[in-house]
C-alpha atoms as a PDB file:
ATOM      1  CA  UNK A   1       8.695 -14.879  10.732  1.00  0.00           C
ATOM      2  CA  UNK A   2      12.095 -14.341   9.095  1.00  0.00           C
ATOM      3  CA  UNK A   3      12.730 -11.090   7.319  1.00  0.00           C
ATOM      4  CA  UNK A   4      11.753 -11.065   3.657  1.00  0.00           C
ATOM      5  CA  UNK A   5      14.556 -10.361   1.147  1.00  0.00           C
ATOM      6  CA  UNK A   6      14.790  -6.803  -0.127  1.00  0.00           C
ATOM      7  CA  UNK A   7      14.050  -6.141  -3.756  1.00  0.00           C
ATOM      8  CA  UNK A   8      16.719  -4.535  -5.953  1.00  0.00           C
ATOM      9  CA  UNK A   9      16.187  -1.090  -7.451  1.00  0.00           C
ATOM     10  CA  UNK A  10      15.562  -2.736 -10.837  1.00  0.00           C
ATOM     11  CA  UNK A  11      12.960  -5.116  -9.355  1.00  0.00           C
ATOM     12  CA  UNK A  12      11.210  -2.208  -7.620  1.00  0.00           C
ATOM     13  CA  UNK A  13      11.158  -0.162 -10.829  1.00  0.00           C
ATOM     14  CA  UNK A  14       9.750  -3.099 -12.787  1.00  0.00           C
ATOM     15  CA  UNK A  15       6.992  -3.740 -10.251  1.00  0.00           C
ATOM     16  CA  UNK A  16       6.145  -0.060  -9.996  1.00  0.00           C
ATOM     17  CA  UNK A  17       5.530   0.036 -13.756  1.00  0.00           C
ATOM     18  CA  UNK A  18       2.533  -2.253 -13.134  1.00  0.00           C
ATOM     19  CA  UNK A  19       1.224   0.046 -10.355  1.00  0.00           C
ATOM     20  CA  UNK A  20       1.410   3.554 -11.853  1.00  0.00           C
ATOM     21  CA  UNK A  21      -0.527   5.185  -9.010  1.00  0.00           C
ATOM     22  CA  UNK A  22       2.156   4.138  -6.515  1.00  0.00           C
ATOM     23  CA  UNK A  23       5.473   5.949  -6.177  1.00  0.00           C
ATOM     24  CA  UNK A  24       8.762   5.407  -4.447  1.00  0.00           C
ATOM     25  CA  UNK A  25       9.137   7.971  -1.669  1.00  0.00           C
ATOM     26  CA  UNK A  26      11.984   7.901   0.844  1.00  0.00           C
ATOM     27  CA  UNK A  27      12.577   4.185   0.178  1.00  0.00           C
ATOM     28  CA  UNK A  28       8.930   3.277   0.641  1.00  0.00           C
ATOM     29  CA  UNK A  29       5.937   2.658  -1.610  1.00  0.00           C
ATOM     30  CA  UNK A  30       3.357   5.393  -1.277  1.00  0.00           C
ATOM     31  CA  UNK A  31      -0.147   5.979  -2.674  1.00  0.00           C
ATOM     32  CA  UNK A  32      -2.498   8.865  -1.963  1.00  0.00           C
ATOM     33  CA  UNK A  33      -6.231   8.512  -2.502  1.00  0.00           C
ATOM     34  CA  UNK A  34      -8.777  11.328  -2.348  1.00  0.00           C
ATOM     35  CA  UNK A  35     -12.213  10.215  -1.226  1.00  0.00           C
ATOM     36  CA  UNK A  36     -15.593  11.932  -1.092  1.00  0.00           C
ATOM     37  CA  UNK A  37     -15.390  12.876   2.594  1.00  0.00           C
ATOM     38  CA  UNK A  38     -13.964  11.837   5.961  1.00  0.00           C
ATOM     39  CA  UNK A  39     -16.379   8.905   6.384  1.00  0.00           C
ATOM     40  CA  UNK A  40     -15.394   7.569   2.962  1.00  0.00           C
ATOM     41  CA  UNK A  41     -11.727   7.820   3.923  1.00  0.00           C
ATOM     42  CA  UNK A  42     -12.394   5.753   7.052  1.00  0.00           C
ATOM     43  CA  UNK A  43     -14.418   3.230   5.066  1.00  0.00           C
ATOM     44  CA  UNK A  44     -11.562   2.820   2.596  1.00  0.00           C
ATOM     45  CA  UNK A  45      -9.090   2.143   5.399  1.00  0.00           C
ATOM     46  CA  UNK A  46     -11.494  -0.409   6.890  1.00  0.00           C
ATOM     47  CA  UNK A  47     -11.699  -2.208   3.505  1.00  0.00           C
ATOM     48  CA  UNK A  48      -7.887  -2.311   3.305  1.00  0.00           C
ATOM     49  CA  UNK A  49      -7.729  -3.892   6.756  1.00  0.00           C
ATOM     50  CA  UNK A  50      -8.994  -7.278   5.516  1.00  0.00           C
ATOM     51  CA  UNK A  51      -6.257  -8.067   3.005  1.00  0.00           C
ATOM     52  CA  UNK A  52      -3.681  -6.496   5.305  1.00  0.00           C
ATOM     53  CA  UNK A  53      -4.729  -8.829   8.118  1.00  0.00           C
ATOM     54  CA  UNK A  54      -4.853 -11.847   5.789  1.00  0.00           C
ATOM     55  CA  UNK A  55      -1.311 -11.077   4.623  1.00  0.00           C
ATOM     56  CA  UNK A  56      -0.133 -10.074   8.118  1.00  0.00           C
ATOM     57  CA  UNK A  57       1.349  -6.999   6.533  1.00  0.00           C
ATOM     58  CA  UNK A  58      -0.095  -3.587   7.295  1.00  0.00           C
ATOM     59  CA  UNK A  59       0.362  -0.178   5.672  1.00  0.00           C
ATOM     60  CA  UNK A  60       1.202   2.971   7.538  1.00  0.00           C
ATOM     61  CA  UNK A  61      -1.946   5.112   7.142  1.00  0.00           C
ATOM     62  CA  UNK A  62      -2.396   8.871   7.354  1.00  0.00           C
ATOM     63  CA  UNK A  63      -5.845  10.417   7.005  1.00  0.00           C
ATOM     64  CA  UNK A  64      -6.332  14.128   6.418  1.00  0.00           C
ATOM     65  CA  UNK A  65     -10.106  14.610   6.176  1.00  0.00           C
ATOM     66  CA  UNK A  66     -10.806  13.032   2.767  1.00  0.00           C
ATOM     67  CA  UNK A  67      -7.207  12.223   1.749  1.00  0.00           C
ATOM     68  CA  UNK A  68      -5.698   8.866   2.664  1.00  0.00           C
ATOM     69  CA  UNK A  69      -1.977   8.278   2.269  1.00  0.00           C
ATOM     70  CA  UNK A  70      -0.799   4.677   2.406  1.00  0.00           C
ATOM     71  CA  UNK A  71       2.846   3.815   2.874  1.00  0.00           C
ATOM     72  CA  UNK A  72       4.290   0.331   2.496  1.00  0.00           C
ATOM     73  CA  UNK A  73       7.643  -1.071   3.453  1.00  0.00           C
ATOM     74  CA  UNK A  74       8.692  -4.206   5.256  1.00  0.00           C
ATOM     75  CA  UNK A  75       9.838  -2.972   8.678  1.00  0.00           C
ATOM     76  CA  UNK A  76      11.583  -6.248   9.574  1.00  0.00           C
ATOM     77  CA  UNK A  77      13.630  -6.156   6.369  1.00  0.00           C
ATOM     78  CA  UNK A  78      14.303  -2.417   6.418  1.00  0.00           C
ATOM     79  CA  UNK A  79      13.015  -1.759   2.921  1.00  0.00           C
ATOM     80  CA  UNK A  80      10.758  -2.874   0.103  1.00  0.00           C
ATOM     81  CA  UNK A  81      10.031  -6.544  -0.388  1.00  0.00           C
ATOM     82  CA  UNK A  82       7.635  -8.655  -2.416  1.00  0.00           C
ATOM     83  CA  UNK A  83       5.195  -8.422   0.524  1.00  0.00           C
ATOM     84  CA  UNK A  84       4.800  -4.680  -0.126  1.00  0.00           C
ATOM     85  CA  UNK A  85       3.918  -5.177  -3.778  1.00  0.00           C
ATOM     86  CA  UNK A  86       1.510  -8.023  -2.944  1.00  0.00           C
ATOM     87  CA  UNK A  87      -0.402  -5.730  -0.572  1.00  0.00           C
ATOM     88  CA  UNK A  88      -0.227  -2.786  -3.002  1.00  0.00           C
ATOM     89  CA  UNK A  89      -1.850  -5.034  -5.625  1.00  0.00           C
ATOM     90  CA  UNK A  90      -4.594  -6.000  -3.219  1.00  0.00           C
ATOM     91  CA  UNK A  91      -5.200  -2.344  -2.391  1.00  0.00           C
ATOM     92  CA  UNK A  92      -5.414  -1.521  -6.107  1.00  0.00           C
ATOM     93  CA  UNK A  93      -8.061  -4.217  -6.560  1.00  0.00           C
ATOM     94  CA  UNK A  94     -10.068  -2.658  -3.735  1.00  0.00           C
ATOM     95  CA  UNK A  95      -9.756   0.799  -5.286  1.00  0.00           C
ATOM     96  CA  UNK A  96     -10.881  -0.450  -8.685  1.00  0.00           C
ATOM     97  CA  UNK A  97     -13.906  -2.294  -7.298  1.00  0.00           C
ATOM     98  CA  UNK A  98     -17.321  -0.557  -7.495  1.00  0.00           C
ATOM     99  CA  UNK A  99     -17.302   0.434  -3.821  1.00  0.00           C
ATOM    100  CA  UNK A 100     -13.700   1.680  -4.110  1.00  0.00           C
END
């Protein structure tokens, strides 16, 4: 798959405005979620796996007991692309669903 085009700083800022829980950190999109406990953190990551697999685009994941940090960037492109925002949107839909 060819590398996706990088988004400009203005495009990133515009898209971040629609995803206020996400932030730009070291040139990557990042979102931290606090869950009930460790098992809930693992369940959240498992739920994120489905859209990530469908999109063939996977977040970097760090779990610290009940805190999950998700980081998105398109490795092949070396920065943030539309693919990152598409997955961030899918993750937000998971988090806003009743089991999220």
